C-alpha atoms as a PDB file:
ATOM      1  CA  MET A   1     -20.806  45.286  78.874  1.00  0.00           C
ATOM      2  CA  THR A   2     -18.333  46.822  81.298  1.00  0.00           C
ATOM      3  CA  ALA A   3     -14.645  47.387  80.674  1.00  0.00           C
ATOM      4  CA  THR A   4     -12.444  44.423  81.312  1.00  0.00           C
ATOM      5  CA  SER A   5     -10.232  44.845  84.367  1.00  0.00           C
ATOM      6  CA  ALA A   6      -7.871  42.168  83.057  1.00  0.00           C
ATOM      7  CA  TRP A   7      -6.611  44.226  80.094  1.00  0.00           C
ATOM      8  CA  ALA A   8      -2.831  44.587  80.350  1.00  0.00           C
ATOM      9  CA  GLY A   9      -2.056  45.783  76.826  1.00  0.00           C
ATOM     10  CA  PRO A  10      -1.507  49.283  75.546  1.00  0.00           C
ATOM     11  CA  ILE A  11      -4.436  51.675  75.542  1.00  0.00           C
ATOM     12  CA  PRO A  12      -5.124  53.345  72.179  1.00  0.00           C
ATOM     13  CA  ARG A  13      -5.126  57.142  72.169  1.00  0.00           C
ATOM     14  CA  PRO A  14      -7.747  58.431  69.746  1.00  0.00           C
ATOM     15  CA  SER A  15      -6.894  61.504  67.701  1.00  0.00           C
ATOM     16  CA  ALA A  16      -9.242  64.090  66.236  1.00  0.00           C
ATOM     17  CA  VAL A  17      -9.080  62.096  62.980  1.00  0.00           C
ATOM     18  CA  SER A  18      -9.774  58.661  64.491  1.00  0.00           C
ATOM     19  CA  GLN A  19     -12.334  59.655  67.156  1.00  0.00           C
ATOM     20  CA  PRO A  20     -15.399  58.653  65.050  1.00  0.00           C
ATOM     21  CA  TYR A  21     -13.955  55.113  64.712  1.00  0.00           C
ATOM     22  CA  TRP A  22     -13.551  54.819  68.488  1.00  0.00           C
ATOM     23  CA  ASP A  23     -16.984  56.339  69.149  1.00  0.00           C
ATOM     24  CA  GLY A  24     -18.515  53.715  66.854  1.00  0.00           C
ATOM     25  CA  ALA A  25     -16.606  50.871  68.510  1.00  0.00           C
ATOM     26  CA  LYS A  26     -17.849  51.994  71.930  1.00  0.00           C
ATOM     27  CA  GLN A  27     -21.404  51.676  70.550  1.00  0.00           C
ATOM     28  CA  HIS A  28     -20.556  48.228  69.084  1.00  0.00           C
ATOM     29  CA  ARG A  29     -20.653  49.580  65.536  1.00  0.00           C
ATOM     30  CA  LEU A  30     -17.853  49.339  62.981  1.00  0.00           C
ATOM     31  CA  VAL A  31     -17.506  52.803  61.447  1.00  0.00           C
ATOM     32  CA  ILE A  32     -14.918  53.506  58.757  1.00  0.00           C
ATOM     33  CA  GLN A  33     -14.369  56.143  56.097  1.00  0.00           C
ATOM     34  CA  ARG A  34     -15.660  56.141  52.516  1.00  0.00           C
ATOM     35  CA  SER A  35     -14.569  58.306  49.624  1.00  0.00           C
ATOM     36  CA  GLN A  36     -17.315  60.604  48.342  1.00  0.00           C
ATOM     37  CA  LYS A  37     -15.425  60.780  45.031  1.00  0.00           C
ATOM     38  CA  THR A  38     -15.003  57.040  44.330  1.00  0.00           C
ATOM     39  CA  GLY A  39     -17.286  55.301  46.838  1.00  0.00           C
ATOM     40  CA  ALA A  40     -14.324  53.180  47.980  1.00  0.00           C
ATOM     41  CA  TYR A  41     -14.019  52.378  51.683  1.00  0.00           C
ATOM     42  CA  VAL A  42     -10.851  53.393  53.501  1.00  0.00           C
ATOM     43  CA  PHE A  43      -9.202  52.039  56.623  1.00  0.00           C
ATOM     44  CA  TYR A  44      -7.128  53.238  58.679  1.00  0.00           C
ATOM     45  CA  PRO A  45      -8.656  56.615  59.620  1.00  0.00           C
ATOM     46  CA  ARG A  46      -6.986  59.507  57.830  1.00  0.00           C
ATOM     47  CA  ALA A  47      -7.410  63.246  57.410  1.00  0.00           C
ATOM     48  CA  VAL A  48      -6.686  63.295  53.666  1.00  0.00           C
ATOM     49  CA  SER A  49      -8.223  60.999  51.072  1.00  0.00           C
ATOM     50  CA  PRO A  50      -5.895  58.643  49.208  1.00  0.00           C
ATOM     51  CA  PHE A  51      -7.984  59.468  46.100  1.00  0.00           C
ATOM     52  CA  GLY A  52      -6.909  63.099  45.850  1.00  0.00           C
ATOM     53  CA  ALA A  53      -7.110  66.454  47.550  1.00  0.00           C
ATOM     54  CA  ASP A  54     -10.450  67.138  45.840  1.00  0.00           C
ATOM     55  CA  ASP A  55     -12.075  64.219  47.694  1.00  0.00           C
ATOM     56  CA  THR A  56     -13.909  64.183  51.010  1.00  0.00           C
ATOM     57  CA  LEU A  57     -13.962  61.187  53.334  1.00  0.00           C
ATOM     58  CA  GLU A  58     -17.229  60.483  55.148  1.00  0.00           C
ATOM     59  CA  TRP A  59     -17.786  58.185  58.123  1.00  0.00           C
ATOM     60  CA  VAL A  60     -20.175  55.280  57.483  1.00  0.00           C
ATOM     61  CA  GLU A  61     -21.201  52.167  59.358  1.00  0.00           C
ATOM     62  CA  VAL A  62     -20.178  48.907  57.667  1.00  0.00           C
ATOM     63  CA  SER A  63     -21.325  45.320  58.160  1.00  0.00           C
ATOM     64  CA  GLY A  64     -18.540  44.148  60.483  1.00  0.00           C
ATOM     65  CA  ARG A  65     -18.291  40.980  58.391  1.00  0.00           C
ATOM     66  CA  GLY A  66     -15.384  39.739  56.336  1.00  0.00           C
ATOM     67  CA  HIS A  67     -12.886  36.916  56.043  1.00  0.00           C
ATOM     68  CA  VAL A  68      -9.368  36.173  57.174  1.00  0.00           C
ATOM     69  CA  HIS A  69      -6.997  37.328  54.448  1.00  0.00           C
ATOM     70  CA  ALA A  70      -3.833  36.169  56.234  1.00  0.00           C
ATOM     71  CA  CYS A  71      -3.038  35.034  59.755  1.00  0.00           C
ATOM     72  CA  ALA A  72      -0.422  33.761  62.160  1.00  0.00           C
ATOM     73  CA  ILE A  73      -0.682  31.972  65.471  1.00  0.00           C
ATOM     74  CA  ALA A  74       1.362  33.593  68.234  1.00  0.00           C
ATOM     75  CA  ARG A  75       2.315  30.744  70.530  1.00  0.00           C
ATOM     76  CA  THR A  76       4.073  33.036  73.003  1.00  0.00           C
ATOM     77  CA  PRO A  77       3.467  36.745  73.652  1.00  0.00           C
ATOM     78  CA  THR A  78       4.652  38.863  70.728  1.00  0.00           C
ATOM     79  CA  ALA A  79       5.726  41.625  73.107  1.00  0.00           C
ATOM     80  CA  ALA A  80       6.165  41.573  76.867  1.00  0.00           C
ATOM     81  CA  HIS A  81       4.049  44.718  77.385  1.00  0.00           C
ATOM     82  CA  LEU A  82       0.999  43.140  75.734  1.00  0.00           C
ATOM     83  CA  GLY A  83       0.378  40.825  78.670  1.00  0.00           C
ATOM     84  CA  VAL A  84      -1.305  38.237  76.445  1.00  0.00           C
ATOM     85  CA  ASP A  85      -0.441  34.566  76.698  1.00  0.00           C
ATOM     86  CA  GLY A  86      -0.400  32.397  73.593  1.00  0.00           C
ATOM     87  CA  PRO A  87      -1.626  30.882  71.562  1.00  0.00           C
ATOM     88  CA  TYR A  88      -3.698  33.563  69.855  1.00  0.00           C
ATOM     89  CA  VAL A  89      -4.417  34.542  66.276  1.00  0.00           C
ATOM     90  CA  ILE A  90      -3.138  37.731  64.685  1.00  0.00           C
ATOM     91  CA  ALA A  91      -4.900  38.307  61.379  1.00  0.00           C
ATOM     92  CA  ILE A  92      -5.435  40.632  58.498  1.00  0.00           C
ATOM     93  CA  VAL A  93      -9.188  40.679  57.956  1.00  0.00           C
ATOM     94  CA  GLN A  94     -10.655  41.777  54.649  1.00  0.00           C
ATOM     95  CA  LEU A  95     -13.996  43.432  55.298  1.00  0.00           C
ATOM     96  CA  GLU A  96     -16.916  42.701  52.951  1.00  0.00           C
ATOM     97  CA  GLU A  97     -16.630  46.349  51.931  1.00  0.00           C
ATOM     98  CA  GLY A  98     -13.008  45.860  50.815  1.00  0.00           C
ATOM     99  CA  PRO A  99     -10.527  47.381  53.285  1.00  0.00           C
ATOM    100  CA  HIS A 100      -8.187  45.294  55.406  1.00  0.00           C
ATOM    101  CA  MET A 101      -7.895  45.558  59.193  1.00  0.00           C
ATOM    102  CA  THR A 102      -5.314  43.970  61.464  1.00  0.00           C
ATOM    103  CA  ALA A 103      -6.904  42.375  64.527  1.00  0.00           C
ATOM    104  CA  ASN A 104      -6.967  39.312  66.716  1.00  0.00           C
ATOM    105  CA  ILE A 105      -9.390  36.475  66.060  1.00  0.00           C
ATOM    106  CA  ILE A 106     -10.951  35.613  69.421  1.00  0.00           C
ATOM    107  CA  ASP A 107     -13.308  32.999  70.880  1.00  0.00           C
ATOM    108  CA  CYS A 108     -11.864  30.149  68.841  1.00  0.00           C
ATOM    109  CA  ASP A 109      -9.326  27.355  68.691  1.00  0.00           C
ATOM    110  CA  PRO A 110      -6.421  29.129  66.937  1.00  0.00           C
ATOM    111  CA  GLU A 111      -5.669  25.977  64.937  1.00  0.00           C
ATOM    112  CA  THR A 112      -9.047  26.262  63.168  1.00  0.00           C
ATOM    113  CA  ILE A 113      -8.378  29.709  61.699  1.00  0.00           C
ATOM    114  CA  HIS A 114      -6.972  29.968  58.177  1.00  0.00           C
ATOM    115  CA  PRO A 115      -7.214  32.309  55.180  1.00  0.00           C
ATOM    116  CA  GLY A 116     -10.802  32.401  54.006  1.00  0.00           C
ATOM    117  CA  THR A 117     -12.372  31.836  57.444  1.00  0.00           C
ATOM    118  CA  PRO A 118     -15.505  34.025  57.660  1.00  0.00           C
ATOM    119  CA  VAL A 119     -15.414  36.402  60.630  1.00  0.00           C
ATOM    120  CA  GLU A 120     -17.543  39.070  62.275  1.00  0.00           C
ATOM    121  CA  ALA A 121     -16.638  42.025  64.449  1.00  0.00           C
ATOM    122  CA  ALA A 122     -16.418  41.563  68.207  1.00  0.00           C
ATOM    123  CA  TYR A 123     -16.238  44.508  70.571  1.00  0.00           C
ATOM    124  CA  ILE A 124     -13.989  44.335  73.627  1.00  0.00           C
ATOM    125  CA  PRO A 125     -14.297  47.219  76.109  1.00  0.00           C
ATOM    126  CA  ILE A 126     -10.927  47.772  77.789  1.00  0.00           C
ATOM    127  CA  THR A 127     -11.646  51.082  79.556  1.00  0.00           C
ATOM    128  CA  GLU A 128     -14.749  53.182  80.086  1.00  0.00           C
ATOM    129  CA  GLU A 129     -13.876  55.111  76.906  1.00  0.00           C
ATOM    130  CA  ILE A 130     -12.049  52.603  74.676  1.00  0.00           C
ATOM    131  CA  THR A 131     -13.514  49.519  73.021  1.00  0.00           C
ATOM    132  CA  LEU A 132     -11.310  47.426  70.743  1.00  0.00           C
ATOM    133  CA  VAL A 133     -12.605  45.948  67.515  1.00  0.00           C
ATOM    134  CA  GLN A 134     -11.502  42.336  67.178  1.00  0.00           C
ATOM    135  CA  PHE A 135     -13.062  39.504  65.175  1.00  0.00           C
ATOM    136  CA  ARG A 136     -14.482  36.058  65.905  1.00  0.00           C
ATOM    137  CA  PRO A 137     -15.449  33.226  63.562  1.00  0.00           C
ATOM    138  CA  ALA A 138     -18.822  34.038  62.015  1.00  0.00           C
ATOM    139  CA  ALA A 139     -21.827  31.975  62.993  1.00  0.00           C
ATOM    140  CA  VAL A 140     -22.644  29.562  60.202  1.00  0.00           C
ATOM    141  CA  GLY A 141     -26.235  29.280  59.082  1.00  0.00           C
END
């Protein structure tokens, strides 16, 4: 898939800490951190473990599946610089592995999305180097 030329929103700027997340997204893989001490998954990318200085965070691929924890329908753009017309869904997705991610729910009628809706990762290339992780309703069956 090639980068979308229609993207008008901000372009994320990966840091040394977050680069593995963005590298995974570019390969259509959801990669997040996991504590070697507790086994708990962690999102957002961070340099220091929330479980203590004696912990190491490792990068692991996760399922990309989860459910909508909470959501809102934006009927008009939430910020002029985003360049996105409404309506669209802004959601907090709880991954099967536990962490929450904020993302849009795409490829759906916004009115059909509610807490508990099963979702799966969708990968949206916006530049040659940056692919966004969003979610879409999971295929049933």
